[in-house]
Amino acid sequence: MSAPAPRGKGELALAALLSCAAMGLLWASALALEAPLLFPAIGASAAVVAIAPSSRGGQPRSIVLGHVVGALLGFACVELLADGAQGSLASPLDARHAASGALALGATVAALLFLDVPHPPAAATTMIVGMGLLPRFEHVLAIALAATILALFFTATLRLCGRAAPWWSGS
C-alpha cells in the first residue's frame, strides 16, 4: 500500500472548514424545517467527501442513493420485525430491534454493492433507522433531504474553490 499524497495546509483547512460548514447548514436547515437532518451518519458522509472528494464514495450519487437505500431498508426492517416501534440506545436493545438493525445492515450492504454506490456511512443510517431510532417514514424523507443538501453543498463549494466535483457521478 502506498503512502497517501502529501496535502498542503490550505487543503487541510478547506476540508475542515467545509465539514464544519456543512454541519452548520444541516443544523440550520433542521431547525427551520423541524426535521432530523443532523445525525451521526451524515457527519461521516461529510468526512468522506472532505477527505476523498474524488472517490466513488464521495460522489453525490453514492451519498444520496446510499443514504436513501439505507433509510428505506432500515424502515422496511423495523416495520417488518419491530412493528415500527421506537427503539432506544439508552437501555439494552430488545431482540426485535437488534434483529431489525442486523437485517437492515445486511440488506443495505448487498443493495449498495448491487447498485454500485459505495458509501459506508449509509451503513450507519440503516442501523439508525432499522434499530428504531428514527422509525417513521418522515424520518426517511428527512434523511434523503439531508443527503441531498450535503451532496449539493460539497459539490457547489468545491467547484467554487476551483476543484473538480461531479454534480451526480464522476463516470
Protein backbone atom coordinates (compact mmCIF):
# COMPACT_ATOMS: atom_id res chain seq x y z
CA MET A 1 0.00 0.00 0.00
CA SER A 2 1.44 3.36 -0.99
CA ALA A 3 1.70 6.35 1.28
CA PRO A 4 -1.01 8.99 0.92
CA ALA A 5 -0.21 12.01 -1.20
CA PRO A 6 1.04 14.95 0.86
CA ARG A 7 -1.58 17.63 1.49
CA GLY A 8 -0.97 21.32 1.86
CA LYS A 9 -2.19 23.40 4.78
CA GLY A 10 -4.76 25.08 2.51
CA GLU A 11 -6.26 21.74 1.53
CA LEU A 12 -6.43 20.61 5.15
CA ALA A 13 -8.06 23.87 6.22
CA LEU A 14 -10.58 23.69 3.37
CA ALA A 15 -11.57 20.12 4.26
CA ALA A 16 -12.04 21.03 7.92
CA LEU A 17 -13.90 24.26 7.15
CA LEU A 18 -16.27 22.64 4.64
CA SER A 19 -17.03 19.79 7.04
CA CYS A 20 -17.95 22.21 9.82
CA ALA A 21 -19.90 24.47 7.46
CA ALA A 22 -21.87 21.50 6.11
CA MET A 23 -22.92 20.52 9.63
CA GLY A 24 -23.90 24.12 10.35
CA LEU A 25 -26.02 24.23 7.19
CA LEU A 26 -27.74 20.96 8.11
CA TRP A 27 -28.34 22.18 11.68
CA ALA A 28 -29.88 25.44 10.44
CA SER A 29 -32.00 23.54 7.93
CA ALA A 30 -33.09 21.11 10.65
CA LEU A 31 -34.20 24.00 12.85
CA ALA A 32 -36.05 25.72 10.00
CA LEU A 33 -37.80 22.54 8.86
CA GLU A 34 -38.15 20.92 12.30
CA ALA A 35 -36.70 17.74 10.84
CA PRO A 36 -33.87 15.40 11.94
CA LEU A 37 -31.33 16.43 9.28
CA LEU A 38 -28.26 16.29 11.53
CA PHE A 39 -27.34 12.76 12.59
CA PRO A 40 -24.02 10.90 13.03
CA ALA A 41 -24.02 9.10 9.67
CA ILE A 42 -24.36 12.37 7.74
CA GLY A 43 -21.28 13.64 9.58
CA ALA A 44 -19.40 10.56 8.41
CA SER A 45 -20.53 11.35 4.85
CA ALA A 46 -19.14 14.87 5.17
CA ALA A 47 -15.83 13.37 6.29
CA VAL A 48 -15.74 11.04 3.28
CA VAL A 49 -16.26 13.93 0.87
CA ALA A 50 -13.86 16.25 2.70
CA ILE A 51 -11.11 13.62 2.84
CA ALA A 52 -11.61 11.99 -0.58
CA PRO A 53 -13.85 14.17 -2.77
CA SER A 54 -12.88 12.39 -5.96
CA SER A 55 -13.54 8.89 -4.57
CA ARG A 56 -16.60 6.95 -5.73
CA GLY A 57 -17.93 7.02 -2.16
CA GLY A 58 -17.61 10.80 -2.09
CA GLN A 59 -19.68 11.41 -5.22
CA PRO A 60 -23.20 12.81 -4.90
CA ARG A 61 -24.70 9.66 -6.48
CA SER A 62 -23.20 7.45 -3.77
CA ILE A 63 -24.07 9.83 -0.94
CA VAL A 64 -27.72 10.34 -1.90
CA LEU A 65 -28.51 6.81 -3.09
CA GLY A 66 -26.54 5.24 -0.24
CA HIS A 67 -28.47 7.06 2.45
CA VAL A 68 -31.84 6.71 0.69
CA VAL A 69 -31.38 2.97 0.19
CA GLY A 70 -30.13 2.55 3.76
CA ALA A 71 -33.02 4.53 5.23
CA LEU A 72 -35.64 2.71 3.14
CA LEU A 73 -34.30 -0.73 4.01
CA GLY A 74 -33.96 0.21 7.67
CA PHE A 75 -37.56 1.44 7.64
CA ALA A 76 -38.79 -1.76 5.95
CA CYS A 77 -36.95 -3.92 8.51
CA VAL A 78 -38.17 -2.01 11.58
CA GLU A 79 -41.73 -2.18 10.25
CA LEU A 80 -41.41 -5.91 9.50
CA LEU A 81 -39.62 -7.06 12.64
CA ALA A 82 -40.44 -4.44 15.28
CA ASP A 83 -43.85 -3.17 14.15
CA GLY A 84 -42.33 0.29 13.62
CA ALA A 85 -41.78 0.71 17.36
CA GLN A 86 -39.32 3.29 18.67
CA GLY A 87 -36.02 1.78 19.81
CA SER A 88 -33.55 3.21 22.32
CA LEU A 89 -29.82 3.15 22.90
CA ALA A 90 -30.32 4.38 26.46
CA SER A 91 -31.18 0.85 27.59
CA PRO A 92 -30.34 -2.61 26.25
CA LEU A 93 -31.79 -3.06 22.78
CA ASP A 94 -34.55 -5.64 22.56
CA ALA A 95 -34.23 -8.64 20.22
CA ARG A 96 -36.70 -7.25 17.65
CA HIS A 97 -34.74 -4.04 17.16
CA ALA A 98 -31.38 -5.84 17.19
CA ALA A 99 -32.60 -8.27 14.50
CA SER A 100 -34.11 -5.42 12.51
CA GLY A 101 -30.84 -3.48 12.55
CA ALA A 102 -28.83 -6.54 11.56
CA LEU A 103 -31.16 -7.44 8.69
CA ALA A 104 -31.19 -3.82 7.51
CA LEU A 105 -27.40 -3.73 7.52
CA GLY A 106 -27.05 -6.92 5.50
CA ALA A 107 -29.70 -5.83 3.00
CA THR A 108 -28.11 -2.39 2.64
CA VAL A 109 -24.62 -3.76 2.04
CA ALA A 110 -25.99 -6.07 -0.65
CA ALA A 111 -28.04 -3.27 -2.24
CA LEU A 112 -25.13 -0.82 -2.29
CA LEU A 113 -22.92 -3.42 -3.94
CA PHE A 114 -25.63 -4.29 -6.47
CA LEU A 115 -26.27 -0.61 -7.30
CA ASP A 116 -22.53 0.17 -7.32
CA VAL A 117 -22.89 3.07 -4.90
CA PRO A 118 -20.17 2.52 -2.29
CA HIS A 119 -20.87 4.77 0.67
CA PRO A 120 -20.03 3.18 4.05
CA PRO A 121 -21.76 5.89 6.14
CA ALA A 122 -25.06 4.60 4.72
CA ALA A 123 -24.50 1.51 6.88
CA ALA A 124 -24.84 3.71 9.95
CA THR A 125 -28.01 5.24 8.51
CA THR A 126 -29.63 1.85 8.01
CA MET A 127 -28.73 0.84 11.57
CA ILE A 128 -30.14 4.10 12.98
CA VAL A 129 -33.44 3.58 11.19
CA GLY A 130 -33.52 -0.22 11.45
CA MET A 131 -32.95 -0.19 15.21
CA GLY A 132 -35.93 2.14 15.59
CA LEU A 133 -34.03 5.30 16.49
CA LEU A 134 -35.66 7.16 13.57
CA PRO A 135 -38.53 4.75 12.83
CA ARG A 136 -41.08 6.86 10.93
CA PHE A 137 -41.31 7.31 7.16
CA GLU A 138 -40.99 11.07 7.59
CA HIS A 139 -37.53 10.32 9.01
CA VAL A 140 -36.64 8.51 5.78
CA LEU A 141 -37.63 11.65 3.85
CA ALA A 142 -35.54 13.82 6.20
CA ILE A 143 -32.52 11.56 5.67
CA ALA A 144 -32.95 11.80 1.89
CA LEU A 145 -33.13 15.59 2.16
CA ALA A 146 -30.06 15.75 4.41
CA ALA A 147 -28.02 13.62 1.98
CA THR A 148 -29.13 15.81 -0.92
CA ILE A 149 -28.28 19.04 0.89
CA LEU A 150 -24.87 17.66 1.86
CA ALA A 151 -24.07 16.48 -1.67
CA LEU A 152 -25.15 19.79 -3.24
CA PHE A 153 -23.25 21.82 -0.63
CA PHE A 154 -19.96 20.00 -1.19
CA THR A 155 -20.31 19.93 -4.97
CA ALA A 156 -21.09 23.64 -5.18
CA THR A 157 -18.43 24.77 -2.69
CA LEU A 158 -15.71 22.55 -4.15
CA ARG A 159 -16.50 23.91 -7.62
CA LEU A 160 -16.45 27.49 -6.30
CA CYS A 161 -12.99 26.73 -4.89
CA GLY A 162 -11.83 25.57 -8.31
CA ARG A 163 -11.88 21.86 -7.51
CA ALA A 164 -13.30 19.19 -9.78
CA ALA A 165 -16.58 17.88 -8.36
CA PRO A 166 -19.27 15.97 -10.26
CA TRP A 167 -22.91 17.02 -9.88
CA TRP A 168 -24.01 13.36 -9.80
CA SER A 169 -21.40 10.81 -10.82
CA GLY A 170 -17.81 11.06 -11.95
CA SER A 171 -18.14 8.34 -14.57
